[in-house]
Protein backbone atom coordinates (compact mmCIF):
# COMPACT_ATOMS: atom_id res chain seq x y z
CA MET A 1 -127.78 -85.49 -26.02
CA PHE A 2 -125.76 -85.21 -22.59
CA ILE A 3 -124.95 -81.60 -23.17
CA LEU A 4 -128.79 -80.71 -23.58
CA LEU A 5 -129.55 -82.86 -20.33
CA LEU A 6 -127.12 -81.02 -18.36
CA ALA A 7 -128.28 -77.12 -19.73
CA VAL A 8 -132.39 -78.09 -18.73
CA ALA A 9 -130.72 -79.61 -15.31
CA TRP A 10 -128.88 -76.01 -15.15
CA ILE A 11 -131.41 -73.93 -15.63
CA VAL A 12 -133.93 -76.00 -13.16
CA VAL A 13 -131.45 -75.61 -10.48
CA SER A 14 -130.20 -71.68 -11.51
CA VAL A 15 -134.36 -71.44 -11.18
CA THR A 16 -134.78 -72.99 -7.69
CA ALA A 17 -132.01 -71.19 -6.33
CA GLY A 18 -133.72 -68.04 -7.83
CA LEU A 19 -136.90 -68.75 -6.13
CA VAL A 20 -135.33 -69.72 -2.91
CA LEU A 21 -133.06 -66.18 -2.92
CA ALA A 22 -136.35 -64.49 -3.47
CA ARG A 23 -137.77 -65.81 -0.35
CA ALA A 24 -134.97 -65.47 1.58
CA ILE A 25 -134.91 -61.74 0.34
CA GLY A 26 -138.71 -61.16 1.51
CA ALA A 27 -138.14 -62.86 4.59
CA MET A 28 -135.37 -60.53 5.29
CA GLU A 29 -136.97 -57.55 4.50
CA ALA A 30 -140.05 -58.40 6.59
CA LYS A 31 -138.45 -59.21 9.91
CA PRO A 32 -137.08 -55.33 9.94
CA VAL A 33 -141.07 -54.54 10.43
CA VAL A 34 -140.87 -56.14 13.84
CA PRO A 35 -137.67 -54.66 15.55
CA ALA A 36 -139.64 -51.17 14.45
CA GLU A 37 -142.23 -51.22 17.28
CA PRO A 38 -139.39 -51.23 20.37
CA ALA A 39 -137.64 -48.70 18.38
CA PRO A 40 -140.04 -46.05 19.77
CA ALA A 41 -138.73 -46.83 23.76
CA PRO A 42 -135.76 -45.31 23.49
CA GLN A 43 -136.86 -42.18 21.60
CA ALA A 44 -139.42 -41.84 24.40
CA ASP A 45 -136.55 -42.51 27.19
CA LEU A 46 -134.92 -39.59 25.12
CA ALA A 47 -138.38 -37.25 25.41
CA HIS A 48 -138.10 -38.09 29.43
CA GLN A 49 -134.37 -37.14 30.28
CA ASN A 50 -134.78 -33.86 28.39
């Protein structure tokens, strides 16, 4: 019986960890969208230099 409870607890922990990782990955994917705006600034400087 203890092994069954341990297995259930392991599944719950695994699912919770999966959800946390999914949210972390989603947050990491959402962040690079913000730095995309300052990126054209150096390109504009290079265009003026040329």
